PDB file of all heavy atoms in Angstrom:
ATOM      1  N   ALA A   1     178.122  78.398  87.604  1.00  0.00           N
ATOM      2  CA  ALA A   1     179.046  78.798  88.652  1.00  0.00           C
ATOM      3  C   ALA A   1     178.362  79.238  89.897  1.00  0.00           C
ATOM      4  O   ALA A   1     178.744  78.842  91.003  1.00  0.00           O
ATOM      5  CB  ALA A   1     179.997  79.896  88.195  1.00  0.00           C
ATOM      6  N   GLY A   2     177.303  79.998  89.759  1.00  0.00           N
ATOM      7  CA  GLY A   2     176.603  80.535  90.964  1.00  0.00           C
ATOM      8  C   GLY A   2     175.615  79.481  91.547  1.00  0.00           C
ATOM      9  O   GLY A   2     175.304  79.548  92.711  1.00  0.00           O
ATOM     10  N   PHE A   3     175.169  78.559  90.765  1.00  0.00           N
ATOM     11  CA  PHE A   3     174.174  77.572  91.211  1.00  0.00           C
ATOM     12  C   PHE A   3     174.810  76.368  91.971  1.00  0.00           C
ATOM     13  O   PHE A   3     174.262  75.904  92.953  1.00  0.00           O
ATOM     14  CB  PHE A   3     173.345  77.028  90.070  1.00  0.00           C
ATOM     15  CG  PHE A   3     172.157  76.141  90.477  1.00  0.00           C
ATOM     16  CD1 PHE A   3     171.009  76.789  90.974  1.00  0.00           C
ATOM     17  CD2 PHE A   3     172.223  74.806  90.521  1.00  0.00           C
ATOM     18  CE1 PHE A   3     169.868  76.029  91.435  1.00  0.00           C
ATOM     19  CE2 PHE A   3     171.191  74.051  90.921  1.00  0.00           C
ATOM     20  CZ  PHE A   3     169.981  74.657  91.368  1.00  0.00           C
ATOM     21  N   ILE A   4     175.911  75.993  91.454  1.00  0.00           N
ATOM     22  CA  ILE A   4     176.656  74.814  92.087  1.00  0.00           C
ATOM     23  C   ILE A   4     177.664  75.346  93.074  1.00  0.00           C
ATOM     24  O   ILE A   4     178.473  76.203  92.885  1.00  0.00           O
ATOM     25  CB  ILE A   4     177.393  74.025  90.992  1.00  0.00           C
ATOM     26  CG1 ILE A   4     176.417  73.425  89.921  1.00  0.00           C
ATOM     27  CG2 ILE A   4     178.287  72.936  91.536  1.00  0.00           C
ATOM     28  CD1 ILE A   4     175.474  72.432  90.472  1.00  0.00           C
ATOM     29  N   GLY A   5     177.553  74.745  94.297  1.00  0.00           N
ATOM     30  CA  GLY A   5     178.357  75.118  95.396  1.00  0.00           C
ATOM     31  C   GLY A   5     177.606  75.945  96.489  1.00  0.00           C
ATOM     32  O   GLY A   5     176.739  76.684  96.183  1.00  0.00           O
ATOM     33  N   SER A   6     177.930  75.601  97.703  1.00  0.00           N
ATOM     34  CA  SER A   6     177.316  76.302  98.832  1.00  0.00           C
ATOM     35  C   SER A   6     178.329  76.555  99.967  1.00  0.00           C
ATOM     36  O   SER A   6     179.057  75.640 100.448  1.00  0.00           O
ATOM     37  CB  SER A   6     176.265  75.333  99.431  1.00  0.00           C
ATOM     38  OG  SER A   6     175.500  75.969 100.451  1.00  0.00           O
ATOM     39  N   PRO A   7     178.487  77.843 100.267  1.00  0.00           N
ATOM     40  CA  PRO A   7     177.890  78.975  99.751  1.00  0.00           C
ATOM     41  C   PRO A   7     178.290  79.198  98.241  1.00  0.00           C
ATOM     42  O   PRO A   7     179.221  78.556  97.811  1.00  0.00           O
ATOM     43  CB  PRO A   7     178.464  80.202 100.604  1.00  0.00           C
ATOM     44  CG  PRO A   7     178.900  79.541 101.860  1.00  0.00           C
ATOM     45  CD  PRO A   7     179.373  78.164 101.430  1.00  0.00           C
ATOM     46  N   ALA A   8     177.538  80.032  97.598  1.00  0.00           N
ATOM     47  CA  ALA A   8     177.726  80.228  96.151  1.00  0.00           C
ATOM     48  C   ALA A   8     179.106  80.876  95.894  1.00  0.00           C
ATOM     49  O   ALA A   8     179.688  81.472  96.695  1.00  0.00           O
ATOM     50  CB  ALA A   8     176.638  81.148  95.636  1.00  0.00           C
ATOM     51  N   MET A   9     179.524  80.724  94.634  1.00  0.00           N
ATOM     52  CA  MET A   9     180.853  81.328  94.266  1.00  0.00           C
ATOM     53  C   MET A   9     180.743  82.855  94.351  1.00  0.00           C
ATOM     54  O   MET A   9     179.741  83.442  94.008  1.00  0.00           O
ATOM     55  CB  MET A   9     181.138  80.964  92.787  1.00  0.00           C
ATOM     56  CG  MET A   9     182.413  81.553  92.165  1.00  0.00           C
ATOM     57  SD  MET A   9     182.589  81.161  90.431  1.00  0.00           S
ATOM     58  CE  MET A   9     183.071  79.446  90.481  1.00  0.00           C
ATOM     59  N   ASN A  10     181.906  83.457  94.840  1.00  0.00           N
ATOM     60  CA  ASN A  10     181.896  84.921  94.873  1.00  0.00           C
ATOM     61  C   ASN A  10     182.093  85.414  93.461  1.00  0.00           C
ATOM     62  O   ASN A  10     182.885  84.858  92.622  1.00  0.00           O
ATOM     63  CB  ASN A  10     183.115  85.347  95.715  1.00  0.00           C
ATOM     64  CG  ASN A  10     183.015  84.934  97.184  1.00  0.00           C
ATOM     65  OD1 ASN A  10     182.060  85.314  97.831  1.00  0.00           O
ATOM     66  ND2 ASN A  10     183.905  84.087  97.658  1.00  0.00           N
ATOM     67  N   GLU A  11     181.400  86.474  93.041  1.00  0.00           N
ATOM     68  CA  GLU A  11     181.511  87.019  91.760  1.00  0.00           C
ATOM     69  C   GLU A  11     181.944  88.528  91.849  1.00  0.00           C
ATOM     70  O   GLU A  11     181.294  89.233  92.547  1.00  0.00           O
ATOM     71  CB  GLU A  11     180.209  86.929  90.959  1.00  0.00           C
ATOM     72  CG  GLU A  11     179.810  85.444  90.724  1.00  0.00           C
ATOM     73  CD  GLU A  11     178.472  85.316  89.985  1.00  0.00           C
ATOM     74  OE1 GLU A  11     177.905  86.381  89.581  1.00  0.00           O
ATOM     75  OE2 GLU A  11     178.001  84.181  89.731  1.00  0.00           O
ATOM     76  N   MET A  12     182.983  88.820  91.067  1.00  0.00           N
ATOM     77  CA  MET A  12     183.515  90.218  91.100  1.00  0.00           C
ATOM     78  C   MET A  12     183.362  90.838  89.716  1.00  0.00           C
ATOM     79  O   MET A  12     183.878  90.241  88.758  1.00  0.00           O
ATOM     80  CB  MET A  12     185.009  90.186  91.540  1.00  0.00           C
ATOM     81  CG  MET A  12     185.191  89.574  92.919  1.00  0.00           C
ATOM     82  SD  MET A  12     186.973  89.282  93.317  1.00  0.00           S
ATOM     83  CE  MET A  12     187.239  87.778  92.469  1.00  0.00           C
ATOM     84  N   GLN A  13     182.751  92.003  89.682  1.00  0.00           N
ATOM     85  CA  GLN A  13     182.549  92.688  88.366  1.00  0.00           C
ATOM     86  C   GLN A  13     183.744  93.672  88.138  1.00  0.00           C
ATOM     87  O   GLN A  13     184.036  94.510  89.018  1.00  0.00           O
ATOM     88  CB  GLN A  13     181.221  93.441  88.362  1.00  0.00           C
ATOM     89  CG  GLN A  13     179.968  92.592  88.752  1.00  0.00           C
ATOM     90  CD  GLN A  13     179.743  91.498  87.810  1.00  0.00           C
ATOM     91  OE1 GLN A  13     179.921  91.610  86.591  1.00  0.00           O
ATOM     92  NE2 GLN A  13     179.244  90.306  88.360  1.00  0.00           N
ATOM     93  N   CYS A  14     184.432  93.504  86.973  1.00  0.00           N
ATOM     94  CA  CYS A  14     185.585  94.305  86.748  1.00  0.00           C
ATOM     95  C   CYS A  14     185.513  94.911  85.313  1.00  0.00           C
ATOM     96  O   CYS A  14     184.792  94.424  84.383  1.00  0.00           O
ATOM     97  CB  CYS A  14     186.874  93.450  86.764  1.00  0.00           C
ATOM     98  SG  CYS A  14     187.050  92.423  88.208  1.00  0.00           S
ATOM     99  N   THR A  15     186.210  95.980  85.173  1.00  0.00           N
ATOM    100  CA  THR A  15     186.406  96.574  83.756  1.00  0.00           C
ATOM    101  C   THR A  15     187.821  96.309  83.266  1.00  0.00           C
ATOM    102  O   THR A  15     188.793  96.459  84.050  1.00  0.00           O
ATOM    103  CB  THR A  15     186.161  98.063  83.859  1.00  0.00           C
ATOM    104  OG1 THR A  15     184.857  98.367  84.319  1.00  0.00           O
ATOM    105  CG2 THR A  15     186.341  98.712  82.523  1.00  0.00           C
ATOM    106  N   VAL A  16     187.867  95.786  82.055  1.00  0.00           N
ATOM    107  CA  VAL A  16     189.177  95.346  81.543  1.00  0.00           C
ATOM    108  C   VAL A  16     189.936  96.603  80.984  1.00  0.00           C
ATOM    109  O   VAL A  16     189.311  97.403  80.296  1.00  0.00           O
ATOM    110  CB  VAL A  16     189.016  94.313  80.441  1.00  0.00           C
ATOM    111  CG1 VAL A  16     190.346  93.971  79.748  1.00  0.00           C
ATOM    112  CG2 VAL A  16     188.320  93.056  80.934  1.00  0.00           C
ATOM    113  N   THR A  17     191.152  96.711  81.383  1.00  0.00           N
ATOM    114  CA  THR A  17     192.023  97.772  80.850  1.00  0.00           C
ATOM    115  C   THR A  17     193.277  97.179  80.084  1.00  0.00           C
ATOM    116  O   THR A  17     193.348  95.942  79.960  1.00  0.00           O
ATOM    117  CB  THR A  17     192.577  98.666  81.972  1.00  0.00           C
ATOM    118  OG1 THR A  17     193.431  97.811  82.824  1.00  0.00           O
ATOM    119  CG2 THR A  17     191.388  99.166  82.818  1.00  0.00           C
ATOM    120  N   ALA A  18     194.154  98.045  79.632  1.00  0.00           N
ATOM    121  CA  ALA A  18     195.292  97.486  78.981  1.00  0.00           C
ATOM    122  C   ALA A  18     196.232  96.630  79.865  1.00  0.00           C
ATOM    123  O   ALA A  18     196.957  95.765  79.362  1.00  0.00           O
ATOM    124  CB  ALA A  18     196.151  98.670  78.401  1.00  0.00           C
ATOM    125  N   ASP A  19     196.114  96.865  81.190  1.00  0.00           N
ATOM    126  CA  ASP A  19     196.857  96.122  82.146  1.00  0.00           C
ATOM    127  C   ASP A  19     196.278  94.877  82.634  1.00  0.00           C
ATOM    128  O   ASP A  19     196.840  94.093  83.457  1.00  0.00           O
ATOM    129  CB  ASP A  19     197.325  97.033  83.303  1.00  0.00           C
ATOM    130  CG  ASP A  19     198.092  98.226  82.868  1.00  0.00           C
ATOM    131  OD1 ASP A  19     198.916  98.110  81.984  1.00  0.00           O
ATOM    132  OD2 ASP A  19     197.901  99.310  83.433  1.00  0.00           O
ATOM    133  N   GLY A  20     194.955  94.598  82.284  1.00  0.00           N
ATOM    134  CA  GLY A  20     194.277  93.543  82.765  1.00  0.00           C
ATOM    135  C   GLY A  20     192.977  93.922  83.507  1.00  0.00           C
ATOM    136  O   GLY A  20     192.229  94.795  82.919  1.00  0.00           O
ATOM    137  N   ALA A  21     192.740  93.513  84.713  1.00  0.00           N
ATOM    138  CA  ALA A  21     191.522  93.940  85.445  1.00  0.00           C
ATOM    139  C   ALA A  21     192.008  94.127  86.892  1.00  0.00           C
ATOM    140  O   ALA A  21     192.955  93.463  87.358  1.00  0.00           O
ATOM    141  CB  ALA A  21     190.423  92.930  85.242  1.00  0.00           C
ATOM    142  N   GLU A  22     191.198  94.849  87.703  1.00  0.00           N
ATOM    143  CA  GLU A  22     191.516  95.061  89.118  1.00  0.00           C
ATOM    144  C   GLU A  22     190.171  95.098  89.907  1.00  0.00           C
ATOM    145  O   GLU A  22     189.192  95.580  89.402  1.00  0.00           O
ATOM    146  CB  GLU A  22     192.255  96.382  89.216  1.00  0.00           C
ATOM    147  CG  GLU A  22     192.695  96.676  90.623  1.00  0.00           C
ATOM    148  CD  GLU A  22     191.677  97.517  91.531  1.00  0.00           C
ATOM    149  OE1 GLU A  22     190.791  98.093  90.822  1.00  0.00           O
ATOM    150  OE2 GLU A  22     191.770  97.505  92.675  1.00  0.00           O
ATOM    151  N   PHE A  23     190.265  94.517  91.142  1.00  0.00           N
ATOM    152  CA  PHE A  23     189.105  94.470  91.953  1.00  0.00           C
ATOM    153  C   PHE A  23     189.608  94.713  93.418  1.00  0.00           C
ATOM    154  O   PHE A  23     190.227  93.780  93.997  1.00  0.00           O
ATOM    155  CB  PHE A  23     188.314  93.185  91.824  1.00  0.00           C
ATOM    156  CG  PHE A  23     187.020  93.175  92.672  1.00  0.00           C
ATOM    157  CD1 PHE A  23     185.836  93.696  92.238  1.00  0.00           C
ATOM    158  CD2 PHE A  23     187.093  92.688  93.954  1.00  0.00           C
ATOM    159  CE1 PHE A  23     184.693  93.608  93.001  1.00  0.00           C
ATOM    160  CE2 PHE A  23     185.947  92.724  94.813  1.00  0.00           C
ATOM    161  CZ  PHE A  23     184.793  93.132  94.260  1.00  0.00           C
ATOM    162  N   ALA A  24     189.243  95.876  94.013  1.00  0.00           N
ATOM    163  CA  ALA A  24     189.562  96.204  95.386  1.00  0.00           C
ATOM    164  C   ALA A  24     190.919  95.842  95.851  1.00  0.00           C
ATOM    165  O   ALA A  24     191.171  95.227  96.871  1.00  0.00           O
ATOM    166  CB  ALA A  24     188.501  95.597  96.257  1.00  0.00           C
ATOM    167  N   GLY A  25     191.955  96.153  94.949  1.00  0.00           N
ATOM    168  CA  GLY A  25     193.329  95.869  95.253  1.00  0.00           C
ATOM    169  C   GLY A  25     193.843  94.541  94.660  1.00  0.00           C
ATOM    170  O   GLY A  25     195.026  94.353  94.729  1.00  0.00           O
ATOM    171  N   LEU A  26     193.041  93.685  94.101  1.00  0.00           N
ATOM    172  CA  LEU A  26     193.498  92.435  93.550  1.00  0.00           C
ATOM    173  C   LEU A  26     193.718  92.641  92.053  1.00  0.00           C
ATOM    174  O   LEU A  26     192.786  93.105  91.306  1.00  0.00           O
ATOM    175  CB  LEU A  26     192.421  91.358  93.789  1.00  0.00           C
ATOM    176  CG  LEU A  26     192.750  90.012  93.088  1.00  0.00           C
ATOM    177  CD1 LEU A  26     193.933  89.316  93.749  1.00  0.00           C
ATOM    178  CD2 LEU A  26     191.517  89.043  93.093  1.00  0.00           C
ATOM    179  N   GLN A  27     194.894  92.355  91.563  1.00  0.00           N
ATOM    180  CA  GLN A  27     195.228  92.476  90.148  1.00  0.00           C
ATOM    181  C   GLN A  27     195.038  91.124  89.406  1.00  0.00           C
ATOM    182  O   GLN A  27     195.405  90.131  89.876  1.00  0.00           O
ATOM    183  CB  GLN A  27     196.691  92.908  89.980  1.00  0.00           C
ATOM    184  CG  GLN A  27     197.053  94.197  90.616  1.00  0.00           C
ATOM    185  CD  GLN A  27     196.289  95.403  90.033  1.00  0.00           C
ATOM    186  OE1 GLN A  27     196.119  95.449  88.773  1.00  0.00           O
ATOM    187  NE2 GLN A  27     195.798  96.268  90.875  1.00  0.00           N
ATOM    188  N   ILE A  28     194.308  91.254  88.268  1.00  0.00           N
ATOM    189  CA  ILE A  28     193.883  90.021  87.530  1.00  0.00           C
ATOM    190  C   ILE A  28     194.486  90.135  86.165  1.00  0.00           C
ATOM    191  O   ILE A  28     193.989  90.918  85.233  1.00  0.00           O
ATOM    192  CB  ILE A  28     192.368  89.913  87.470  1.00  0.00           C
ATOM    193  CG1 ILE A  28     191.770  89.926  88.887  1.00  0.00           C
ATOM    194  CG2 ILE A  28     192.000  88.659  86.772  1.00  0.00           C
ATOM    195  CD1 ILE A  28     190.414  90.337  89.043  1.00  0.00           C
ATOM    196  N   PRO A  29     195.556  89.394  85.804  1.00  0.00           N
ATOM    197  CA  PRO A  29     196.101  89.376  84.439  1.00  0.00           C
ATOM    198  C   PRO A  29     195.213  88.589  83.496  1.00  0.00           C
ATOM    199  O   PRO A  29     194.548  87.691  83.879  1.00  0.00           O
ATOM    200  CB  PRO A  29     197.468  88.712  84.670  1.00  0.00           C
ATOM    201  CG  PRO A  29     197.268  87.795  85.781  1.00  0.00           C
ATOM    202  CD  PRO A  29     196.284  88.491  86.720  1.00  0.00           C
ATOM    203  N   LEU A  30     195.273  88.948  82.233  1.00  0.00           N
ATOM    204  CA  LEU A  30     194.473  88.296  81.116  1.00  0.00           C
ATOM    205  C   LEU A  30     195.474  87.873  80.052  1.00  0.00           C
ATOM    206  O   LEU A  30     196.306  88.612  79.580  1.00  0.00           O
ATOM    207  CB  LEU A  30     193.409  89.221  80.568  1.00  0.00           C
ATOM    208  CG  LEU A  30     192.263  89.657  81.542  1.00  0.00           C
ATOM    209  CD1 LEU A  30     191.359  90.675  80.861  1.00  0.00           C
ATOM    210  CD2 LEU A  30     191.470  88.427  81.915  1.00  0.00           C
ATOM    211  N   SER A  31     195.228  86.682  79.515  1.00  0.00           N
ATOM    212  CA  SER A  31     196.060  86.227  78.403  1.00  0.00           C
ATOM    213  C   SER A  31     195.493  86.723  77.190  1.00  0.00           C
ATOM    214  O   SER A  31     194.295  87.182  77.097  1.00  0.00           O
ATOM    215  CB  SER A  31     196.043  84.640  78.395  1.00  0.00           C
ATOM    216  OG  SER A  31     194.733  84.149  78.060  1.00  0.00           O
ATOM    217  N   PRO A  32     196.217  86.698  76.023  1.00  0.00           N
ATOM    218  CA  PRO A  32     195.692  87.139  74.708  1.00  0.00           C
ATOM    219  C   PRO A  32     194.472  86.332  74.303  1.00  0.00           C
ATOM    220  O   PRO A  32     193.500  86.934  73.733  1.00  0.00           O
ATOM    221  CB  PRO A  32     196.880  86.858  73.716  1.00  0.00           C
ATOM    222  CG  PRO A  32     198.062  86.953  74.635  1.00  0.00           C
ATOM    223  CD  PRO A  32     197.690  86.389  75.986  1.00  0.00           C
ATOM    224  N   GLU A  33     194.407  85.036  74.629  1.00  0.00           N
ATOM    225  CA  GLU A  33     193.271  84.201  74.244  1.00  0.00           C
ATOM    226  C   GLU A  33     192.022  84.695  75.013  1.00  0.00           C
ATOM    227  O   GLU A  33     190.868  84.722  74.474  1.00  0.00           O
ATOM    228  CB  GLU A  33     193.532  82.785  74.585  1.00  0.00           C
ATOM    229  CG  GLU A  33     194.608  82.118  73.682  1.00  0.00           C
ATOM    230  CD  GLU A  33     196.026  82.431  74.185  1.00  0.00           C
ATOM    231  OE1 GLU A  33     196.153  82.984  75.320  1.00  0.00           O
ATOM    232  OE2 GLU A  33     196.913  82.228  73.389  1.00  0.00           O
ATOM    233  N   GLN A  34     192.154  85.032  76.310  1.00  0.00           N
ATOM    234  CA  GLN A  34     191.045  85.490  77.076  1.00  0.00           C
ATOM    235  C   GLN A  34     190.614  86.860  76.624  1.00  0.00           C
ATOM    236  O   GLN A  34     189.340  87.076  76.540  1.00  0.00           O
ATOM    237  CB  GLN A  34     191.492  85.541  78.548  1.00  0.00           C
ATOM    238  CG  GLN A  34     191.718  84.158  79.178  1.00  0.00           C
ATOM    239  CD  GLN A  34     192.300  84.207  80.507  1.00  0.00           C
ATOM    240  OE1 GLN A  34     193.030  85.230  80.860  1.00  0.00           O
ATOM    241  NE2 GLN A  34     192.192  83.154  81.282  1.00  0.00           N
ATOM    242  N   ARG A  35     191.464  87.744  76.284  1.00  0.00           N
ATOM    243  CA  ARG A  35     191.087  89.044  75.750  1.00  0.00           C
ATOM    244  C   ARG A  35     190.257  88.863  74.438  1.00  0.00           C
ATOM    245  O   ARG A  35     189.311  89.540  74.176  1.00  0.00           O
ATOM    246  CB  ARG A  35     192.338  89.929  75.473  1.00  0.00           C
ATOM    247  CG  ARG A  35     192.926  90.480  76.786  1.00  0.00           C
ATOM    248  CD  ARG A  35     194.136  91.329  76.420  1.00  0.00           C
ATOM    249  NE  ARG A  35     194.748  91.927  77.694  1.00  0.00           N
ATOM    250  CZ  ARG A  35     194.303  92.977  78.305  1.00  0.00           C
ATOM    251  NH1 ARG A  35     193.326  93.621  77.851  1.00  0.00           N
ATOM    252  NH2 ARG A  35     194.973  93.344  79.359  1.00  0.00           N
ATOM    253  N   ALA A  36     190.720  87.935  73.572  1.00  0.00           N
ATOM    254  CA  ALA A  36     190.133  87.767  72.289  1.00  0.00           C
ATOM    255  C   ALA A  36     188.686  87.154  72.473  1.00  0.00           C
ATOM    256  O   ALA A  36     187.841  87.442  71.612  1.00  0.00           O
ATOM    257  CB  ALA A  36     190.997  86.847  71.464  1.00  0.00           C
ATOM    258  N   ALA A  37     188.461  86.457  73.565  1.00  0.00           N
ATOM    259  CA  ALA A  37     187.148  85.781  73.690  1.00  0.00           C
ATOM    260  C   ALA A  37     186.124  86.782  74.308  1.00  0.00           C
ATOM    261  O   ALA A  37     184.894  86.527  74.271  1.00  0.00           O
ATOM    262  CB  ALA A  37     187.338  84.649  74.648  1.00  0.00           C
ATOM    263  N   LEU A  38     186.554  87.907  74.855  1.00  0.00           N
ATOM    264  CA  LEU A  38     185.637  88.830  75.439  1.00  0.00           C
ATOM    265  C   LEU A  38     184.849  89.678  74.346  1.00  0.00           C
ATOM    266  O   LEU A  38     185.454  89.945  73.345  1.00  0.00           O
ATOM    267  CB  LEU A  38     186.464  89.889  76.297  1.00  0.00           C
ATOM    268  CG  LEU A  38     186.887  89.424  77.747  1.00  0.00           C
ATOM    269  CD1 LEU A  38     187.935  90.429  78.280  1.00  0.00           C
ATOM    270  CD2 LEU A  38     185.724  89.279  78.642  1.00  0.00           C
ATOM    271  N   THR A  39     183.591  89.881  74.664  1.00  0.00           N
ATOM    272  CA  THR A  39     182.754  90.594  73.698  1.00  0.00           C
ATOM    273  C   THR A  39     182.587  92.005  74.083  1.00  0.00           C
ATOM    274  O   THR A  39     181.956  92.817  73.439  1.00  0.00           O
ATOM    275  CB  THR A  39     181.370  89.913  73.547  1.00  0.00           C
ATOM    276  OG1 THR A  39     180.687  89.918  74.807  1.00  0.00           O
ATOM    277  CG2 THR A  39     181.544  88.497  73.019  1.00  0.00           C
ATOM    278  N   SER A  40     183.107  92.423  75.363  1.00  0.00           N
ATOM    279  CA  SER A  40     183.032  93.845  75.765  1.00  0.00           C
ATOM    280  C   SER A  40     184.259  93.971  76.786  1.00  0.00           C
ATOM    281  O   SER A  40     184.964  93.103  76.914  1.00  0.00           O
ATOM    282  CB  SER A  40     181.651  94.059  76.451  1.00  0.00           C
ATOM    283  OG  SER A  40     181.638  93.379  77.698  1.00  0.00           O
TER     284      SER A  40
END
């Protein structure tokens, strides 16, 4: 993701909560499949 594309892809580090994830005002919902795939 970071190597392909110019300029490089923007990457946002988030902490997952019961409501999903949030970054500087942006709300990011997560599906059950995505939650299950996370290792942390």
